[in-house]
């Protein structure tokens, strides 16, 4: 049965065609690199048809997730080290350079209060999974959703997240969820009320890693959304606006044409500026 899922999953994966995916504002690679820290989760809006289905299913802009672990020794690609660990359909669990997602919309989700020791454990856990295969059963479950029957929406969600249950196979969000589970860091735990000697109280219960989707890191109350533009210091006064740039360019163009004495030049410049502003 496992080989059947592999063959069908690979076939479906080959069918997905890239679609246009351009960020509203181009990613500043320098800002992104300087903002990311080990332990951060990088959410990505994928380019494929399957990615579009995942976004529709989860009602989110994010179809893929990767864990930032920092530069990895011996993984340089064209002088750029690999800094991400991810699970993708084509390769399984691999490392990747940051430039891979330069032309995609991204979001940084940072675990708040994660200790240095636990951060190292999370990164090491993910690094040790490099080489594992991708859970193609997840792709089959996605097809169930694309051709839904009369099942309820909650049941449809479970059919995509169950996967094969094989420990040697994994998907992107499950990999990261397992890494944080290793140090008991919460993502979206289930809260339950239990009876104790001191009365009823709420306790957290870890959800199975296969039930996580990329968007869960975005909506988690324990992860902070970090935007590189704001983290580096943003001043709206430094923005370059197209309409103001046209006025400035027109003024600069007129300046060399001004001849004669200073009074005449000043009067000509004022008139030209008025004409531009009232045009």
Foldseek 3Di string as FASTA:
>chain_A
DQVVLLVVLVVVVVPWDFADAADPDFDDVVLVVVPDDQFKKKFWQGGTPLSVLCCVLVVHSGFFIWGFHQFDPPQDDPNFGFGTWFADQPQGTDTHGPVVRRGTDMWIWHQPPQDPVLSVQLSVQSVVLHPFHAQSQLVVLSVCVVVDDPDDSVVSLCSNLPTDPDPSHYHGQLSSLVSNVVVPRDQPFDWDWDQDPVGIDIDTDRDRSSSDGSCSSVPGPRIDIDDSCPVVPHDPVPDDDPVVVVLVVQLVVCQVVQDDDPVSSVVVSVVVSVVVVVD
